[in-house]
Amino acid sequence: MVIATKFKLHVVEGPLQQVQLAVDPRLRLLPLPGDDPPTVQIGPESSQSRLVAFHWSRPVSDQAVLEATFVLGGATGVGNFHLPRIELLDARTTSAGWP
């Protein structure tokens, strides 16, 4: 199973150079798209989650889009499926439209 994510980031205060996701440890990150994608640092795995940090080469001061695609190991198309955890850390999330 493949899970595609898209985070639309709007910087409210100060420059942004890094964001972190807490993800299900069964998720494996695929290469990021784009000409100058952020670099990725994958932290140690626990039974509940793994930290994935995305670092931009230049600080973002206004808006940015982070697209990341994950492959879920051990999932089949049969039976009940529970969505794996993918959580943006240290950020306020909204459902407001993108300007």
PDB file of N, CA and C in Angstrom:
ATOM      1  N   MET A   1       0.836  -1.167   0.000  1.00  0.00           N
ATOM      2  CA  MET A   1       0.000   0.000   0.000  1.00  0.00           C
ATOM      3  C   MET A   1       0.888   1.239   0.000  1.00  0.00           C
ATOM      4  N   VAL A   2       0.521   2.232  -0.791  1.00  0.00           N
ATOM      5  CA  VAL A   2       1.262   3.493  -0.908  1.00  0.00           C
ATOM      6  C   VAL A   2       0.384   4.614  -0.355  1.00  0.00           C
ATOM      7  N   ILE A   3       0.993   5.469   0.471  1.00  0.00           N
ATOM      8  CA  ILE A   3       0.279   6.604   1.072  1.00  0.00           C
ATOM      9  C   ILE A   3       0.999   7.878   0.653  1.00  0.00           C
ATOM     10  N   ALA A   4       0.302   8.743  -0.070  1.00  0.00           N
ATOM     11  CA  ALA A   4       0.860  10.024  -0.511  1.00  0.00           C
ATOM     12  C   ALA A   4       0.342  11.122   0.411  1.00  0.00           C
ATOM     13  N   THR A   5       1.259  11.947   0.932  1.00  0.00           N
ATOM     14  CA  THR A   5       0.872  13.045   1.809  1.00  0.00           C
ATOM     15  C   THR A   5       1.271  14.367   1.165  1.00  0.00           C
ATOM     16  N   LYS A   6       0.542  15.416   1.545  1.00  0.00           N
ATOM     17  CA  LYS A   6       0.865  16.757   1.061  1.00  0.00           C
ATOM     18  C   LYS A   6       0.548  17.728   2.190  1.00  0.00           C
ATOM     19  N   PHE A   7       1.581  18.380   2.698  1.00  0.00           N
ATOM     20  CA  PHE A   7       1.425  19.360   3.764  1.00  0.00           C
ATOM     21  C   PHE A   7       1.658  20.736   3.181  1.00  0.00           C
ATOM     22  N   LYS A   8       0.667  21.603   3.310  1.00  0.00           N
ATOM     23  CA  LYS A   8       0.792  22.990   2.866  1.00  0.00           C
ATOM     24  C   LYS A   8       1.140  23.809   4.097  1.00  0.00           C
ATOM     25  N   LEU A   9       2.354  24.324   4.121  1.00  0.00           N
ATOM     26  CA  LEU A   9       2.878  25.023   5.284  1.00  0.00           C
ATOM     27  C   LEU A   9       2.829  26.530   5.058  1.00  0.00           C
ATOM     28  N   HIS A  10       2.308  27.244   6.028  1.00  0.00           N
ATOM     29  CA  HIS A  10       2.269  28.710   5.991  1.00  0.00           C
ATOM     30  C   HIS A  10       3.011  29.188   7.232  1.00  0.00           C
ATOM     31  N   VAL A  11       4.129  29.855   7.023  1.00  0.00           N
ATOM     32  CA  VAL A  11       4.966  30.320   8.120  1.00  0.00           C
ATOM     33  C   VAL A  11       4.377  31.613   8.671  1.00  0.00           C
ATOM     34  N   VAL A  12       4.052  31.607   9.961  1.00  0.00           N
ATOM     35  CA  VAL A  12       3.447  32.770  10.598  1.00  0.00           C
ATOM     36  C   VAL A  12       4.500  33.634  11.284  1.00  0.00           C
ATOM     37  N   GLU A  13       5.492  32.991  11.882  1.00  0.00           N
ATOM     38  CA  GLU A  13       6.467  33.715  12.674  1.00  0.00           C
ATOM     39  C   GLU A  13       7.858  33.131  12.481  1.00  0.00           C
ATOM     40  N   GLY A  14       8.812  33.961  12.121  1.00  0.00           N
ATOM     41  CA  GLY A  14      10.193  33.518  11.966  1.00  0.00           C
ATOM     42  C   GLY A  14      10.382  32.595  10.779  1.00  0.00           C
ATOM     43  N   PRO A  15      11.628  32.311  10.425  1.00  0.00           N
ATOM     44  CA  PRO A  15      11.891  31.407   9.303  1.00  0.00           C
ATOM     45  C   PRO A  15      11.727  29.941   9.708  1.00  0.00           C
ATOM     46  N   LEU A  16      11.366  29.136   8.743  1.00  0.00           N
ATOM     47  CA  LEU A  16      11.195  27.698   8.946  1.00  0.00           C
ATOM     48  C   LEU A  16      12.270  26.979   8.146  1.00  0.00           C
ATOM     49  N   GLN A  17      13.007  26.101   8.796  1.00  0.00           N
ATOM     50  CA  GLN A  17      14.030  25.362   8.069  1.00  0.00           C
ATOM     51  C   GLN A  17      13.848  23.860   8.234  1.00  0.00           C
ATOM     52  N   GLN A  18      13.018  23.448   9.192  1.00  0.00           N
ATOM     53  CA  GLN A  18      12.834  22.022   9.443  1.00  0.00           C
ATOM     54  C   GLN A  18      11.418  21.747   9.934  1.00  0.00           C
ATOM     55  N   VAL A  19      10.858  20.630   9.507  1.00  0.00           N
ATOM     56  CA  VAL A  19       9.620  20.107  10.088  1.00  0.00           C
ATOM     57  C   VAL A  19       9.850  18.637  10.403  1.00  0.00           C
ATOM     58  N   GLN A  20       9.100  18.147  11.385  1.00  0.00           N
ATOM     59  CA  GLN A  20       9.211  16.754  11.775  1.00  0.00           C
ATOM     60  C   GLN A  20       7.847  16.085  11.702  1.00  0.00           C
ATOM     61  N   LEU A  21       7.871  14.843  11.248  1.00  0.00           N
ATOM     62  CA  LEU A  21       6.685  14.002  11.265  1.00  0.00           C
ATOM     63  C   LEU A  21       6.934  12.841  12.215  1.00  0.00           C
ATOM     64  N   ALA A  22       5.900  12.458  12.957  1.00  0.00           N
ATOM     65  CA  ALA A  22       5.919  11.209  13.706  1.00  0.00           C
ATOM     66  C   ALA A  22       5.103  10.239  12.864  1.00  0.00           C
ATOM     67  N   VAL A  23       5.723   9.144  12.448  1.00  0.00           N
ATOM     68  CA  VAL A  23       5.046   8.215  11.547  1.00  0.00           C
ATOM     69  C   VAL A  23       5.067   6.804  12.127  1.00  0.00           C
ATOM     70  N   ASP A  24       4.129   6.015  11.686  1.00  0.00           N
ATOM     71  CA  ASP A  24       4.065   4.606  12.040  1.00  0.00           C
ATOM     72  C   ASP A  24       5.378   3.950  11.617  1.00  0.00           C
ATOM     73  N   PRO A  25       5.993   3.137  12.478  1.00  0.00           N
ATOM     74  CA  PRO A  25       7.289   2.548  12.119  1.00  0.00           C
ATOM     75  C   PRO A  25       7.242   1.582  10.932  1.00  0.00           C
ATOM     76  N   ARG A  26       6.053   1.176  10.500  1.00  0.00           N
ATOM     77  CA  ARG A  26       5.934   0.305   9.326  1.00  0.00           C
ATOM     78  C   ARG A  26       6.056   1.076   8.021  1.00  0.00           C
ATOM     79  N   LEU A  27       6.018   2.414   8.091  1.00  0.00           N
ATOM     80  CA  LEU A  27       6.090   3.245   6.885  1.00  0.00           C
ATOM     81  C   LEU A  27       7.532   3.451   6.444  1.00  0.00           C
ATOM     82  N   ARG A  28       7.759   3.310   5.141  1.00  0.00           N
ATOM     83  CA  ARG A  28       9.072   3.549   4.532  1.00  0.00           C
ATOM     84  C   ARG A  28       8.924   4.701   3.547  1.00  0.00           C
ATOM     85  N   LEU A  29       9.725   5.740   3.732  1.00  0.00           N
ATOM     86  CA  LEU A  29       9.668   6.937   2.898  1.00  0.00           C
ATOM     87  C   LEU A  29      10.307   6.686   1.540  1.00  0.00           C
ATOM     88  N   LEU A  30       9.609   7.073   0.479  1.00  0.00           N
ATOM     89  CA  LEU A  30      10.156   7.004  -0.879  1.00  0.00           C
ATOM     90  C   LEU A  30      10.890   8.310  -1.177  1.00  0.00           C
ATOM     91  N   PRO A  31      11.741   8.354  -2.204  1.00  0.00           N
ATOM     92  CA  PRO A  31      12.450   9.604  -2.547  1.00  0.00           C
ATOM     93  C   PRO A  31      11.470  10.758  -2.773  1.00  0.00           C
ATOM     94  N   LEU A  32      11.866  11.945  -2.311  1.00  0.00           N
ATOM     95  CA  LEU A  32      11.017  13.131  -2.429  1.00  0.00           C
ATOM     96  C   LEU A  32      11.058  13.682  -3.844  1.00  0.00           C
ATOM     97  N   PRO A  33       9.921  14.219  -4.321  1.00  0.00           N
ATOM     98  CA  PRO A  33       9.883  14.800  -5.665  1.00  0.00           C
ATOM     99  C   PRO A  33      10.460  16.214  -5.677  1.00  0.00           C
ATOM    100  N   GLY A  34      10.702  16.733  -6.867  1.00  0.00           N
ATOM    101  CA  GLY A  34      11.104  18.127  -7.026  1.00  0.00           C
ATOM    102  C   GLY A  34      12.580  18.303  -7.326  1.00  0.00           C
ATOM    103  N   ASP A  35      12.924  19.545  -7.723  1.00  0.00           N
ATOM    104  CA  ASP A  35      14.292  19.880  -8.092  1.00  0.00           C
ATOM    105  C   ASP A  35      15.197  20.083  -6.880  1.00  0.00           C
ATOM    106  N   ASP A  36      14.646  20.647  -5.805  1.00  0.00           N
ATOM    107  CA  ASP A  36      15.438  20.933  -4.608  1.00  0.00           C
ATOM    108  C   ASP A  36      14.649  20.512  -3.371  1.00  0.00           C
ATOM    109  N   PRO A  37      14.409  19.202  -3.218  1.00  0.00           N
ATOM    110  CA  PRO A  37      13.617  18.761  -2.068  1.00  0.00           C
ATOM    111  C   PRO A  37      14.412  18.893  -0.778  1.00  0.00           C
ATOM    112  N   PRO A  38      13.731  18.943   0.361  1.00  0.00           N
ATOM    113  CA  PRO A  38      14.462  18.970   1.623  1.00  0.00           C
ATOM    114  C   PRO A  38      15.225  17.668   1.832  1.00  0.00           C
ATOM    115  N   THR A  39      16.292  17.754   2.616  1.00  0.00           N
ATOM    116  CA  THR A  39      16.995  16.538   2.995  1.00  0.00           C
ATOM    117  C   THR A  39      16.209  15.862   4.114  1.00  0.00           C
ATOM    118  N   VAL A  40      16.427  14.575   4.275  1.00  0.00           N
ATOM    119  CA  VAL A  40      15.640  13.794   5.224  1.00  0.00           C
ATOM    120  C   VAL A  40      16.566  13.130   6.228  1.00  0.00           C
ATOM    121  N   GLN A  41      16.160  13.182   7.479  1.00  0.00           N
ATOM    122  CA  GLN A  41      16.857  12.462   8.534  1.00  0.00           C
ATOM    123  C   GLN A  41      15.827  11.606   9.250  1.00  0.00           C
ATOM    124  N   ILE A  42      16.054  10.297   9.256  1.00  0.00           N
ATOM    125  CA  ILE A  42      15.118   9.374   9.876  1.00  0.00           C
ATOM    126  C   ILE A  42      15.665   8.963  11.234  1.00  0.00           C
ATOM    127  N   GLY A  43      14.859   9.191  12.261  1.00  0.00           N
ATOM    128  CA  GLY A  43      15.271   8.898  13.618  1.00  0.00           C
ATOM    129  C   GLY A  43      15.058   7.436  13.979  1.00  0.00           C
ATOM    130  N   PRO A  44      15.430   7.083  15.212  1.00  0.00           N
ATOM    131  CA  PRO A  44      15.268   5.702  15.659  1.00  0.00           C
ATOM    132  C   PRO A  44      13.796   5.324  15.772  1.00  0.00           C
ATOM    133  N   GLU A  45      13.560   4.055  15.672  1.00  0.00           N
ATOM    134  CA  GLU A  45      12.204   3.503  15.693  1.00  0.00           C
ATOM    135  C   GLU A  45      11.841   3.075  17.107  1.00  0.00           C
ATOM    136  N   SER A  46      10.599   3.381  17.511  1.00  0.00           N
ATOM    137  CA  SER A  46      10.051   2.835  18.752  1.00  0.00           C
ATOM    138  C   SER A  46       8.884   1.939  18.354  1.00  0.00           C
ATOM    139  N   SER A  47       8.228   1.352  19.330  1.00  0.00           N
ATOM    140  CA  SER A  47       7.092   0.486  19.006  1.00  0.00           C
ATOM    141  C   SER A  47       5.909   1.294  18.486  1.00  0.00           C
ATOM    142  N   GLN A  48       5.852   2.591  18.803  1.00  0.00           N
ATOM    143  CA  GLN A  48       4.720   3.423  18.423  1.00  0.00           C
ATOM    144  C   GLN A  48       4.969   4.308  17.203  1.00  0.00           C
ATOM    145  N   SER A  49       6.192   4.825  17.059  1.00  0.00           N
ATOM    146  CA  SER A  49       6.442   5.762  15.963  1.00  0.00           C
ATOM    147  C   SER A  49       7.928   5.897  15.664  1.00  0.00           C
ATOM    148  N   ARG A  50       8.172   6.623  14.599  1.00  0.00           N
ATOM    149  CA  ARG A  50       9.523   6.970  14.161  1.00  0.00           C
ATOM    150  C   ARG A  50       9.477   8.437  13.745  1.00  0.00           C
ATOM    151  N   LEU A  51      10.513   9.206  14.099  1.00  0.00           N
ATOM    152  CA  LEU A  51      10.581  10.606  13.698  1.00  0.00           C
ATOM    153  C   LEU A  51      11.261  10.723  12.347  1.00  0.00           C
ATOM    154  N   VAL A  52      10.673  11.535  11.481  1.00  0.00           N
ATOM    155  CA  VAL A  52      11.260  11.830  10.178  1.00  0.00           C
ATOM    156  C   VAL A  52      11.372  13.350  10.098  1.00  0.00           C
ATOM    157  N   ALA A  53      12.611  13.858   9.987  1.00  0.00           N
ATOM    158  CA  ALA A  53      12.855  15.297   9.926  1.00  0.00           C
ATOM    159  C   ALA A  53      13.195  15.692   8.488  1.00  0.00           C
ATOM    160  N   PHE A  54      12.589  16.781   8.032  1.00  0.00           N
ATOM    161  CA  PHE A  54      12.815  17.330   6.695  1.00  0.00           C
ATOM    162  C   PHE A  54      13.505  18.681   6.871  1.00  0.00           C
ATOM    163  N   HIS A  55      14.689  18.861   6.255  1.00  0.00           N
ATOM    164  CA  HIS A  55      15.485  20.085   6.380  1.00  0.00           C
ATOM    165  C   HIS A  55      15.590  20.759   5.013  1.00  0.00           C
ATOM    166  N   TRP A  56      15.165  22.023   4.930  1.00  0.00           N
ATOM    167  CA  TRP A  56      15.319  22.791   3.693  1.00  0.00           C
ATOM    168  C   TRP A  56      16.701  23.431   3.666  1.00  0.00           C
ATOM    169  N   SER A  57      17.278  23.552   2.488  1.00  0.00           N
ATOM    170  CA  SER A  57      18.614  24.145   2.354  1.00  0.00           C
ATOM    171  C   SER A  57      18.589  25.643   2.627  1.00  0.00           C
ATOM    172  N   ARG A  58      17.461  26.280   2.350  1.00  0.00           N
ATOM    173  CA  ARG A  58      17.282  27.705   2.631  1.00  0.00           C
ATOM    174  C   ARG A  58      16.041  27.863   3.507  1.00  0.00           C
ATOM    175  N   PRO A  59      16.088  28.784   4.480  1.00  0.00           N
ATOM    176  CA  PRO A  59      14.912  28.985   5.337  1.00  0.00           C
ATOM    177  C   PRO A  59      13.689  29.405   4.526  1.00  0.00           C
ATOM    178  N   VAL A  60      12.542  28.904   4.910  1.00  0.00           N
ATOM    179  CA  VAL A  60      11.265  29.261   4.289  1.00  0.00           C
ATOM    180  C   VAL A  60      10.637  30.341   5.159  1.00  0.00           C
ATOM    181  N   SER A  61      10.258  31.458   4.563  1.00  0.00           N
ATOM    182  CA  SER A  61       9.698  32.550   5.358  1.00  0.00           C
ATOM    183  C   SER A  61       8.234  32.818   5.061  1.00  0.00           C
ATOM    184  N   ASP A  62       7.676  32.187   4.043  1.00  0.00           N
ATOM    185  CA  ASP A  62       6.288  32.468   3.679  1.00  0.00           C
ATOM    186  C   ASP A  62       5.480  31.177   3.594  1.00  0.00           C
ATOM    187  N   GLN A  63       5.601  30.443   2.489  1.00  0.00           N
ATOM    188  CA  GLN A  63       4.826  29.221   2.287  1.00  0.00           C
ATOM    189  C   GLN A  63       5.712  28.143   1.670  1.00  0.00           C
ATOM    190  N   ALA A  64       5.350  26.913   1.982  1.00  0.00           N
ATOM    191  CA  ALA A  64       6.062  25.771   1.400  1.00  0.00           C
ATOM    192  C   ALA A  64       5.096  24.601   1.323  1.00  0.00           C
ATOM    193  N   VAL A  65       5.370  23.693   0.416  1.00  0.00           N
ATOM    194  CA  VAL A  65       4.596  22.473   0.292  1.00  0.00           C
ATOM    195  C   VAL A  65       5.558  21.306   0.485  1.00  0.00           C
ATOM    196  N   LEU A  66       5.182  20.399   1.377  1.00  0.00           N
ATOM    197  CA  LEU A  66       5.966  19.196   1.612  1.00  0.00           C
ATOM    198  C   LEU A  66       5.154  18.010   1.130  1.00  0.00           C
ATOM    199  N   GLU A  67       5.662  17.339   0.095  1.00  0.00           N
ATOM    200  CA  GLU A  67       5.012  16.144  -0.424  1.00  0.00           C
ATOM    201  C   GLU A  67       5.900  14.956  -0.106  1.00  0.00           C
ATOM    202  N   ALA A  68       5.324  13.958   0.553  1.00  0.00           N
ATOM    203  CA  ALA A  68       6.074  12.765   0.923  1.00  0.00           C
ATOM    204  C   ALA A  68       5.199  11.543   0.667  1.00  0.00           C
ATOM    205  N   THR A  69       5.788  10.528   0.076  1.00  0.00           N
ATOM    206  CA  THR A  69       5.074   9.290  -0.221  1.00  0.00           C
ATOM    207  C   THR A  69       5.721   8.165   0.570  1.00  0.00           C
ATOM    208  N   PHE A  70       4.870   7.374   1.196  1.00  0.00           N
ATOM    209  CA  PHE A  70       5.320   6.275   2.040  1.00  0.00           C
ATOM    210  C   PHE A  70       4.757   4.959   1.515  1.00  0.00           C
ATOM    211  N   VAL A  71       5.504   3.892   1.747  1.00  0.00           N
ATOM    212  CA  VAL A  71       5.036   2.533   1.472  1.00  0.00           C
ATOM    213  C   VAL A  71       4.793   1.892   2.830  1.00  0.00           C
ATOM    214  N   LEU A  72       3.616   1.288   2.983  1.00  0.00           N
ATOM    215  CA  LEU A  72       3.256   0.623   4.230  1.00  0.00           C
ATOM    216  C   LEU A  72       3.595  -0.848   4.128  1.00  0.00           C
ATOM    217  N   GLY A  73       4.569  -1.289   4.910  1.00  0.00           N
ATOM    218  CA  GLY A  73       4.964  -2.691   4.908  1.00  0.00           C
ATOM    219  C   GLY A  73       3.975  -3.548   5.677  1.00  0.00           C
ATOM    220  N   GLY A  74       3.770  -4.760   5.203  1.00  0.00           N
ATOM    221  CA  GLY A  74       2.912  -5.713   5.894  1.00  0.00           C
ATOM    222  C   GLY A  74       1.428  -5.519   5.674  1.00  0.00           C
ATOM    223  N   ALA A  75       1.016  -4.612   4.814  1.00  0.00           N
ATOM    224  CA  ALA A  75      -0.404  -4.374   4.570  1.00  0.00           C
ATOM    225  C   ALA A  75      -0.869  -5.190   3.369  1.00  0.00           C
ATOM    226  N   THR A  76      -2.067  -5.682   3.468  1.00  0.00           N
ATOM    227  CA  THR A  76      -2.682  -6.392   2.352  1.00  0.00           C
ATOM    228  C   THR A  76      -3.997  -5.708   2.013  1.00  0.00           C
ATOM    229  N   GLY A  77      -4.563  -6.041   0.895  1.00  0.00           N
ATOM    230  CA  GLY A  77      -5.829  -5.456   0.485  1.00  0.00           C
ATOM    231  C   GLY A  77      -7.037  -6.201   1.032  1.00  0.00           C
ATOM    232  N   VAL A  78      -6.804  -7.140   1.919  1.00  0.00           N
ATOM    233  CA  VAL A  78      -7.885  -7.967   2.441  1.00  0.00           C
ATOM    234  C   VAL A  78      -8.108  -7.638   3.914  1.00  0.00           C
ATOM    235  N   GLY A  79      -9.388  -7.543   4.335  1.00  0.00           N
ATOM    236  CA  GLY A  79      -9.716  -7.335   5.748  1.00  0.00           C
ATOM    237  C   GLY A  79      -9.854  -5.878   6.111  1.00  0.00           C
ATOM    238  N   ASN A  80      -9.923  -5.635   7.418  1.00  0.00           N
ATOM    239  CA  ASN A  80     -10.042  -4.271   7.932  1.00  0.00           C
ATOM    240  C   ASN A  80      -8.681  -3.589   7.915  1.00  0.00           C
ATOM    241  N   PHE A  81      -8.698  -2.300   7.647  1.00  0.00           N
ATOM    242  CA  PHE A  81      -7.463  -1.544   7.565  1.00  0.00           C
ATOM    243  C   PHE A  81      -7.557  -0.342   8.491  1.00  0.00           C
ATOM    244  N   HIS A  82      -6.532  -0.117   9.299  1.00  0.00           N
ATOM    245  CA  HIS A  82      -6.441   1.054  10.165  1.00  0.00           C
ATOM    246  C   HIS A  82      -5.357   1.965   9.610  1.00  0.00           C
ATOM    247  N   LEU A  83      -5.696   3.229   9.414  1.00  0.00           N
ATOM    248  CA  LEU A  83      -4.730   4.178   8.866  1.00  0.00           C
ATOM    249  C   LEU A  83      -3.523   4.292   9.790  1.00  0.00           C
ATOM    250  N   PRO A  84      -2.329   4.283   9.228  1.00  0.00           N
ATOM    251  CA  PRO A  84      -1.136   4.445  10.057  1.00  0.00           C
ATOM    252  C   PRO A  84      -0.996   5.902  10.496  1.00  0.00           C
ATOM    253  N   ARG A  85      -0.245   6.096  11.567  1.00  0.00           N
ATOM    254  CA  ARG A  85      -0.039   7.431  12.110  1.00  0.00           C
ATOM    255  C   ARG A  85       0.937   8.204  11.232  1.00  0.00           C
ATOM    256  N   ILE A  86       0.523   9.404  10.848  1.00  0.00           N
ATOM    257  CA  ILE A  86       1.391  10.387  10.189  1.00  0.00           C
ATOM    258  C   ILE A  86       0.984  11.724  10.788  1.00  0.00           C
ATOM    259  N   GLU A  87       1.837  12.262  11.650  1.00  0.00           N
ATOM    260  CA  GLU A  87       1.482  13.466  12.393  1.00  0.00           C
ATOM    261  C   GLU A  87       2.574  14.511  12.267  1.00  0.00           C
ATOM    262  N   LEU A  88       2.195  15.715  11.867  1.00  0.00           N
ATOM    263  CA  LEU A  88       3.116  16.845  11.797  1.00  0.00           C
ATOM    264  C   LEU A  88       3.323  17.369  13.211  1.00  0.00           C
ATOM    265  N   LEU A  89       4.567  17.430  13.666  1.00  0.00           N
ATOM    266  CA  LEU A  89       4.868  17.843  15.033  1.00  0.00           C
ATOM    267  C   LEU A  89       5.204  19.323  15.109  1.00  0.00           C
ATOM    268  N   ASP A  90       4.982  19.895  16.277  1.00  0.00           N
ATOM    269  CA  ASP A  90       5.350  21.289  16.564  1.00  0.00           C
ATOM    270  C   ASP A  90       4.756  22.278  15.570  1.00  0.00           C
ATOM    271  N   ALA A  91       3.527  22.031  15.163  1.00  0.00           N
ATOM    272  CA  ALA A  91       2.859  22.941  14.230  1.00  0.00           C
ATOM    273  C   ALA A  91       1.368  22.966  14.549  1.00  0.00           C
ATOM    274  N   ARG A  92       0.760  24.095  14.302  1.00  0.00           N
ATOM    275  CA  ARG A  92      -0.677  24.216  14.465  1.00  0.00           C
ATOM    276  C   ARG A  92      -1.309  23.852  13.130  1.00  0.00           C
ATOM    277  N   THR A  93      -2.237  22.922  13.151  1.00  0.00           N
ATOM    278  CA  THR A  93      -2.879  22.502  11.903  1.00  0.00           C
ATOM    279  C   THR A  93      -4.253  23.146  11.782  1.00  0.00           C
ATOM    280  N   THR A  94      -4.632  23.431  10.543  1.00  0.00           N
ATOM    281  CA  THR A  94      -5.956  23.993  10.249  1.00  0.00           C
ATOM    282  C   THR A  94      -6.491  23.310   9.008  1.00  0.00           C
ATOM    283  N   SER A  95      -7.763  23.504   8.779  1.00  0.00           N
ATOM    284  CA  SER A  95      -8.373  23.000   7.558  1.00  0.00           C
ATOM    285  C   SER A  95      -8.712  24.149   6.619  1.00  0.00           C
ATOM    286  N   ALA A  96      -8.164  25.321   6.903  1.00  0.00           N
ATOM    287  CA  ALA A  96      -8.431  26.509   6.076  1.00  0.00           C
ATOM    288  C   ALA A  96      -7.867  26.312   4.678  1.00  0.00           C
ATOM    289  N   GLY A  97      -8.474  27.001   3.729  1.00  0.00           N
ATOM    290  CA  GLY A  97      -8.031  26.909   2.331  1.00  0.00           C
ATOM    291  C   GLY A  97      -6.661  27.503   2.135  1.00  0.00           C
ATOM    292  N   TRP A  98      -5.987  27.102   1.101  1.00  0.00           N
ATOM    293  CA  TRP A  98      -4.664  27.570   0.739  1.00  0.00           C
ATOM    294  C   TRP A  98      -4.824  28.836  -0.088  1.00  0.00           C
ATOM    295  N   PRO A  99      -4.166  29.949   0.311  1.00  0.00           N
ATOM    296  CA  PRO A  99      -4.332  31.188  -0.473  1.00  0.00           C
ATOM    297  C   PRO A  99      -3.775  31.109  -1.858  1.00  0.00           C
TER     298      PRO A  99
END
